[in-house]
Structures are given as C-alpha cells and as structure tokens.
Amino acid sequence: MKVFISADIEGTAGIAQWNEADRSHSDGAEFRALMTGEVIAACEGARAAGATEVVIKDAHDSGRNLLLDRLPDYVRIVRGWSGHPDEMMFGIDAGFAAAIYTGYHSKAGTEANPLAHTSNMRISRLLLNGEVASEFTFNTLCAARYGVPSVFLAGDAGICAEARAMVPGLAAVETLEGKGKATISISPAWSRRLIREGVAEVLSGDFTRALPAMADHYEVVIEFSDPTCAYRAGWYPGAKAHGPRAVAFEHKDFAEILRALLFLKV
C-alpha cells in the first residue's frame, strides 16, 4: 500500500504567528521540527496499517521545511516546486491507496485560524462553483481526479469541519482553534499521538468511499486584495472579469482549473 502525505505548517499544533511559519526567521526552526514531528507520526500510523511506501510533499512556502534526517527509511520526499499544476499534491498518481494531510489550515476570509489564507496573501477569497474554497478543497479534488481517496487530515478546527463535510469517511484531528490573533492548541505530543493513532485506524478500515463528488463543470473565482492583480490575471486565456478585484475561469475538466490557477493566482 502506497500512501501520499501533503504537509503544510499553519495548522501544526502550537502555531500562532506568521514568524513561526517562516523558515528564515529564528522562530521557524522550532515549527519546522514540530511540522516534521506530525509528518513522522502520520508515517508511523500508515506503516502500522501496512503501508509499504510513503511519499511526502513538503507543501509549505519554499517546499523545503521538513527535517529530512528525522524521516523514516521507507519514505520519499518531494521538495521545492516543480511548476506542475498539482502543486501541493505533486507526486500523487493513481498508484496511491490514500492521501493524508497534515498541518492544514482554514481558508482565506475565515476567523478559525489567525494564519488562515488560501494559496497566498494576495487572495482575499477563492471560490469554486460559488462556494468559498480552501487549499484542501482543491487538493482533495486533485487526489480524487486520480481516484485516490482523502482519508485523514490534521489541522485547525475550521479546516477539520470543512474536510469532514466534504469527504465522507474522512478522519480528522483538531490541533488548534483560532481566537482573534491567538490560538488554543493541544500539545505537540498530544497531536502526534492522535495523528499516529488516527492514521493507523482509518487505513486499517474501509476507506474506499472517502472520495469527494466530482462536478460536471467548474467555475473558479479569485478575489484579489489588489485590483491590479485581477487586471493582470484577466489576460489568461479564457479568464474574465468578475467584479472590480476578481477574475473567473470555467471548464468542465478539473485539470484545466488547476492549470489556470497555476497562472492566475501568482
């Protein structure tokens, strides 16, 4: 059994400030270690359930955050950004049994995490088929496009609630909740234990139904904080203005939505 892990940091237990998510800041070292610890816990849970190989996409910022020498000897690591439209899911394919998400966070425009955002800080909201979407929204649909179910997520309470509602059978561990600019978090050791146990349990059961429904047609709308970003994005083939700070793009193939996002949101 092959398992794919997409690892972010803004939903890691204990995190509260942007400096802690910055690998170049002195605060970043501690949270790179905590991010790595949660990934290792997910690997151990997968291994206990029979996984023979785990592929990890380091999916935060530079894509170079995980402390590699701490990772177990049955994993492969995808670092950096290839330029492929799968982005945070790059490396996944139809050969994987399941996808897992660690350190995930709430979407832009919500108050569930002081570090809530979607993709980058230029975007105020990202909508898919009329609903405000998160990074998880797009990533789990990316996995589903390959027929890979999304079975487990660890992150803030807001993204856990969204993930459970979107994906039947998905298990989730709530690491923290936001209160204004503060967070209330479980301890890192507690988080690691729950992740290890949760991944092992879900992968030991029947998780084949953990696939979100795919639509027949998709429209993505990007609302930018700066109207000049919308003007630039409007030059992408097929994109159209959608208000003073927004552009829209639609297509029946979700792969084309991901391709468009790669260029529209930069």
Protein backbone atom coordinates (compact mmCIF):
# COMPACT_ATOMS: atom_id res chain seq x y z
CA MET A 1 0.00 0.00 0.00
CA LYS A 2 1.35 3.41 -1.05
CA VAL A 3 0.28 6.50 0.89
CA PHE A 4 0.67 10.16 -0.08
CA ILE A 5 1.10 12.92 2.52
CA SER A 6 0.71 16.62 1.75
CA ALA A 7 2.34 18.54 4.60
CA ASP A 8 1.66 22.19 5.47
CA ILE A 9 2.52 24.12 8.62
CA GLU A 10 -0.13 26.72 9.54
CA GLY A 11 -2.30 24.04 11.14
CA THR A 12 0.52 22.44 13.15
CA ALA A 13 -0.19 22.14 16.87
CA GLY A 14 1.01 25.20 18.79
CA ILE A 15 1.47 27.63 15.91
CA ALA A 16 0.12 31.17 16.35
CA GLN A 17 2.26 33.70 14.44
CA TRP A 18 3.48 34.12 10.86
CA ASN A 19 7.12 34.26 12.01
CA GLU A 20 6.74 30.67 13.18
CA ALA A 21 5.89 29.60 9.63
CA ASP A 22 8.93 31.35 8.14
CA ARG A 23 11.97 29.09 7.74
CA SER A 24 14.28 32.12 7.56
CA HIS A 25 13.09 33.51 10.92
CA SER A 26 14.56 32.39 14.22
CA ASP A 27 11.09 31.20 15.32
CA GLY A 28 10.85 28.97 12.26
CA ALA A 29 13.29 26.29 13.44
CA GLU A 30 11.01 25.12 16.25
CA PHE A 31 7.99 24.84 14.00
CA ARG A 32 9.87 23.09 11.21
CA ALA A 33 10.66 20.46 13.85
CA LEU A 34 7.02 20.33 15.00
CA MET A 35 5.80 20.08 11.40
CA THR A 36 8.25 17.23 10.84
CA GLY A 37 7.07 15.50 14.00
CA GLU A 38 3.46 15.47 12.82
CA VAL A 39 4.52 14.10 9.43
CA ILE A 40 6.53 11.34 11.12
CA ALA A 41 3.50 10.46 13.25
CA ALA A 42 1.41 10.12 10.08
CA CYS A 43 4.12 7.94 8.52
CA GLU A 44 4.21 5.71 11.59
CA GLY A 45 0.44 5.34 11.56
CA ALA A 46 0.48 4.45 7.88
CA ARG A 47 3.25 1.93 8.43
CA ALA A 48 1.33 0.31 11.30
CA ALA A 49 -1.63 -0.13 8.93
CA GLY A 50 0.52 -1.87 6.30
CA ALA A 51 1.89 0.92 4.12
CA THR A 52 4.98 -0.20 2.24
CA GLU A 53 5.86 3.24 0.90
CA VAL A 54 5.01 6.80 1.85
CA VAL A 55 5.56 9.81 -0.42
CA ILE A 56 5.60 13.19 1.31
CA LYS A 57 5.08 16.51 -0.47
CA ASP A 58 6.66 19.30 1.57
CA ALA A 59 3.89 21.73 0.67
CA HIS A 60 4.60 24.88 2.69
CA ASP A 61 6.11 28.06 1.24
CA SER A 62 9.55 27.12 -0.19
CA GLY A 63 8.74 23.42 -0.11
CA ARG A 64 11.95 22.94 1.89
CA ASN A 65 10.83 22.75 5.50
CA LEU A 66 10.92 19.15 6.69
CA LEU A 67 13.95 17.99 8.66
CA LEU A 68 14.94 15.20 6.33
CA ASP A 69 17.26 13.19 8.55
CA ARG A 70 14.45 12.59 11.03
CA LEU A 71 12.20 10.91 8.45
CA PRO A 72 11.88 7.10 8.39
CA ASP A 73 13.65 4.95 5.84
CA TYR A 74 10.53 3.93 3.88
CA VAL A 75 9.61 7.43 2.61
CA ARG A 76 10.32 9.53 -0.44
CA ILE A 77 10.18 13.34 -0.18
CA VAL A 78 9.09 15.83 -2.85
CA ARG A 79 10.79 19.17 -2.13
CA GLY A 80 10.51 22.53 -3.87
CA TRP A 81 8.05 23.43 -6.60
CA SER A 82 8.15 21.74 -9.99
CA GLY A 83 5.75 24.10 -11.75
CA HIS A 84 3.23 21.27 -12.21
CA PRO A 85 -0.44 22.27 -11.70
CA ASP A 86 -0.89 19.68 -8.94
CA GLU A 87 1.28 21.95 -6.74
CA MET A 88 0.74 20.81 -3.11
CA MET A 89 -0.18 17.35 -4.40
CA PHE A 90 2.67 16.99 -6.89
CA GLY A 91 3.86 13.40 -6.94
CA ILE A 92 0.45 11.77 -6.49
CA ASP A 93 -0.88 9.38 -9.10
CA ALA A 94 -3.37 6.53 -9.46
CA GLY A 95 -0.98 4.09 -7.78
CA PHE A 96 -1.65 5.50 -4.29
CA ALA A 97 -4.18 3.92 -1.97
CA ALA A 98 -4.87 7.07 0.07
CA ALA A 99 -3.98 10.72 0.65
CA ILE A 100 -3.29 12.29 4.06
CA TYR A 101 -2.95 15.96 5.02
CA THR A 102 -1.00 17.38 7.98
CA GLY A 103 -0.64 20.95 9.24
CA TYR A 104 -3.60 22.16 7.17
CA HIS A 105 -5.38 25.44 7.88
CA SER A 106 -8.63 27.29 7.29
CA LYS A 107 -9.40 29.22 4.11
CA ALA A 108 -8.94 32.91 3.46
CA GLY A 109 -11.69 35.10 4.87
CA THR A 110 -12.38 32.94 7.94
CA GLU A 111 -11.56 33.52 11.61
CA ALA A 112 -10.80 29.90 12.52
CA ASN A 113 -7.04 30.47 12.47
CA PRO A 114 -5.04 33.74 12.62
CA LEU A 115 -2.91 32.27 9.82
CA ALA A 116 -5.92 31.45 7.61
CA HIS A 117 -5.30 32.02 3.91
CA THR A 118 -5.72 30.32 0.56
CA SER A 119 -2.58 29.85 -1.52
CA ASN A 120 -1.08 33.30 -0.94
CA MET A 121 -1.74 36.62 0.77
CA ARG A 122 -2.76 38.36 -2.47
CA ILE A 123 -6.02 36.39 -2.50
CA SER A 124 -8.85 37.58 -0.26
CA ARG A 125 -11.18 34.71 -1.25
CA LEU A 126 -11.12 31.79 -3.66
CA LEU A 127 -14.44 30.32 -4.77
CA LEU A 128 -15.24 27.08 -6.57
CA ASN A 129 -18.70 26.69 -8.06
CA GLY A 130 -19.97 29.51 -5.88
CA GLU A 131 -18.60 28.21 -2.58
CA VAL A 132 -15.62 29.73 -0.75
CA ALA A 133 -12.85 27.15 -1.07
CA SER A 134 -9.71 26.21 0.84
CA GLU A 135 -6.43 24.70 -0.25
CA PHE A 136 -7.85 21.38 0.96
CA THR A 137 -10.85 21.80 -1.37
CA PHE A 138 -8.62 21.87 -4.43
CA ASN A 139 -6.13 19.31 -3.15
CA THR A 140 -8.67 16.65 -2.29
CA LEU A 141 -10.31 17.11 -5.72
CA CYS A 142 -6.86 16.82 -7.26
CA ALA A 143 -6.42 13.48 -5.48
CA ALA A 144 -9.91 12.36 -6.49
CA ARG A 145 -9.06 13.09 -10.13
CA TYR A 146 -6.56 10.21 -9.85
CA GLY A 147 -9.06 8.05 -7.99
CA VAL A 148 -7.20 8.48 -4.68
CA PRO A 149 -9.41 8.89 -1.57
CA SER A 150 -8.53 11.52 1.04
CA VAL A 151 -8.74 9.69 4.34
CA PHE A 152 -7.18 11.83 7.08
CA LEU A 153 -6.47 15.46 7.92
CA ALA A 154 -4.77 17.17 10.86
CA GLY A 155 -5.19 20.91 11.24
CA ASP A 156 -7.22 23.67 12.83
CA ALA A 157 -10.82 23.12 13.85
CA GLY A 158 -12.20 25.08 10.92
CA ILE A 159 -10.49 23.03 8.21
CA CYS A 160 -11.32 19.80 10.04
CA ALA A 161 -15.03 20.66 9.97
CA GLU A 162 -14.84 21.56 6.29
CA ALA A 163 -12.98 18.37 5.41
CA ARG A 164 -15.43 16.13 7.27
CA ALA A 165 -18.37 17.78 5.50
CA MET A 166 -16.75 17.48 2.06
CA VAL A 167 -15.36 13.95 2.24
CA PRO A 168 -17.44 11.05 3.61
CA GLY A 169 -15.45 8.80 5.89
CA LEU A 170 -12.53 11.20 6.38
CA ALA A 171 -10.98 11.19 9.86
CA ALA A 172 -9.60 14.42 11.32
CA VAL A 173 -7.55 15.61 14.28
CA GLU A 174 -8.18 19.16 15.51
CA THR A 175 -4.82 20.58 16.54
CA LEU A 176 -5.91 24.13 17.38
CA GLU A 177 -8.60 26.78 17.11
CA GLY A 178 -8.19 30.47 16.49
CA LYS A 179 -9.42 33.24 18.78
CA GLY A 180 -8.62 36.57 17.17
CA LYS A 181 -4.83 36.71 16.83
CA ALA A 182 -4.39 33.90 19.37
CA THR A 183 -4.69 30.13 19.12
CA ILE A 184 -5.79 27.49 21.62
CA SER A 185 -3.86 24.33 20.83
CA ILE A 186 -3.36 20.82 22.08
CA SER A 187 0.26 19.99 22.89
CA PRO A 188 2.54 18.77 20.08
CA ALA A 189 2.97 15.40 21.82
CA TRP A 190 -0.80 15.01 22.09
CA SER A 191 -1.20 15.95 18.42
CA ARG A 192 1.41 13.43 17.32
CA ARG A 193 -0.26 10.66 19.29
CA LEU A 194 -3.69 11.41 17.84
CA ILE A 195 -2.28 11.61 14.31
CA ARG A 196 -0.41 8.31 14.66
CA GLU A 197 -3.47 6.54 16.08
CA GLY A 198 -5.92 8.18 13.69
CA VAL A 199 -3.98 7.36 10.54
CA ALA A 200 -3.45 3.75 11.63
CA GLU A 201 -7.15 3.33 12.39
CA VAL A 202 -8.51 4.84 9.19
CA LEU A 203 -6.07 3.00 6.93
CA SER A 204 -6.91 -0.28 8.66
CA GLY A 205 -10.59 0.10 7.79
CA ASP A 206 -12.60 0.51 4.61
CA PHE A 207 -11.76 3.97 3.31
CA THR A 208 -12.74 3.46 -0.32
CA ARG A 209 -15.76 5.76 -0.02
CA ALA A 210 -13.61 8.73 1.07
CA LEU A 211 -13.85 10.38 -2.32
CA PRO A 212 -15.50 13.79 -2.78
CA ALA A 213 -18.07 14.13 -5.53
CA MET A 214 -16.69 15.50 -8.79
CA ALA A 215 -18.83 18.04 -10.66
CA ASP A 216 -19.63 18.06 -14.38
CA HIS A 217 -18.45 21.65 -14.70
CA TYR A 218 -16.29 24.02 -12.65
CA GLU A 219 -16.05 27.77 -12.24
CA VAL A 220 -13.26 29.23 -10.13
CA VAL A 221 -13.37 32.85 -8.99
CA ILE A 222 -10.32 34.55 -7.50
CA GLU A 223 -10.95 37.68 -5.45
CA PHE A 224 -7.72 39.62 -5.00
CA SER A 225 -6.84 42.17 -2.35
CA ASP A 226 -5.29 44.39 -5.02
CA PRO A 227 -7.25 45.21 -8.22
CA THR A 228 -4.02 45.33 -10.24
CA CYS A 229 -3.62 41.59 -9.66
CA ALA A 230 -7.06 41.00 -11.14
CA TYR A 231 -6.15 43.08 -14.18
CA ARG A 232 -3.03 41.01 -14.81
CA ALA A 233 -4.83 37.69 -14.25
CA GLY A 234 -7.53 38.73 -16.70
CA TRP A 235 -5.09 38.22 -19.58
CA TYR A 236 -5.04 34.46 -19.05
CA PRO A 237 -6.83 32.75 -21.99
CA GLY A 238 -10.45 32.17 -21.05
CA ALA A 239 -10.35 34.30 -17.89
CA LYS A 240 -12.93 37.05 -17.50
CA ALA A 241 -13.51 39.94 -15.14
CA HIS A 242 -15.78 39.14 -12.20
CA GLY A 243 -16.08 42.45 -10.41
CA PRO A 244 -13.51 45.15 -9.59
CA ARG A 245 -10.94 42.83 -7.93
CA ALA A 246 -11.82 39.39 -9.26
CA VAL A 247 -11.43 37.11 -12.25
CA ALA A 248 -13.29 33.93 -13.17
CA PHE A 249 -12.39 30.89 -15.24
CA GLU A 250 -14.56 27.90 -16.07
CA HIS A 251 -14.06 24.49 -17.61
CA LYS A 252 -15.59 21.01 -17.42
CA ASP A 253 -12.19 19.41 -16.76
CA PHE A 254 -10.87 19.98 -13.22
CA ALA A 255 -7.33 19.54 -14.51
CA GLU A 256 -7.83 22.73 -16.54
CA ILE A 257 -8.97 24.54 -13.40
CA LEU A 258 -5.72 23.56 -11.69
CA ARG A 259 -3.71 24.62 -14.73
CA ALA A 260 -5.44 28.01 -14.78
CA LEU A 261 -4.89 28.56 -11.06
CA LEU A 262 -1.17 27.98 -11.50
CA PHE A 263 -1.02 31.14 -13.63
CA LEU A 264 -3.96 33.20 -12.38
CA LYS A 265 -3.04 33.46 -8.71
CA VAL A 266 0.64 34.41 -8.92
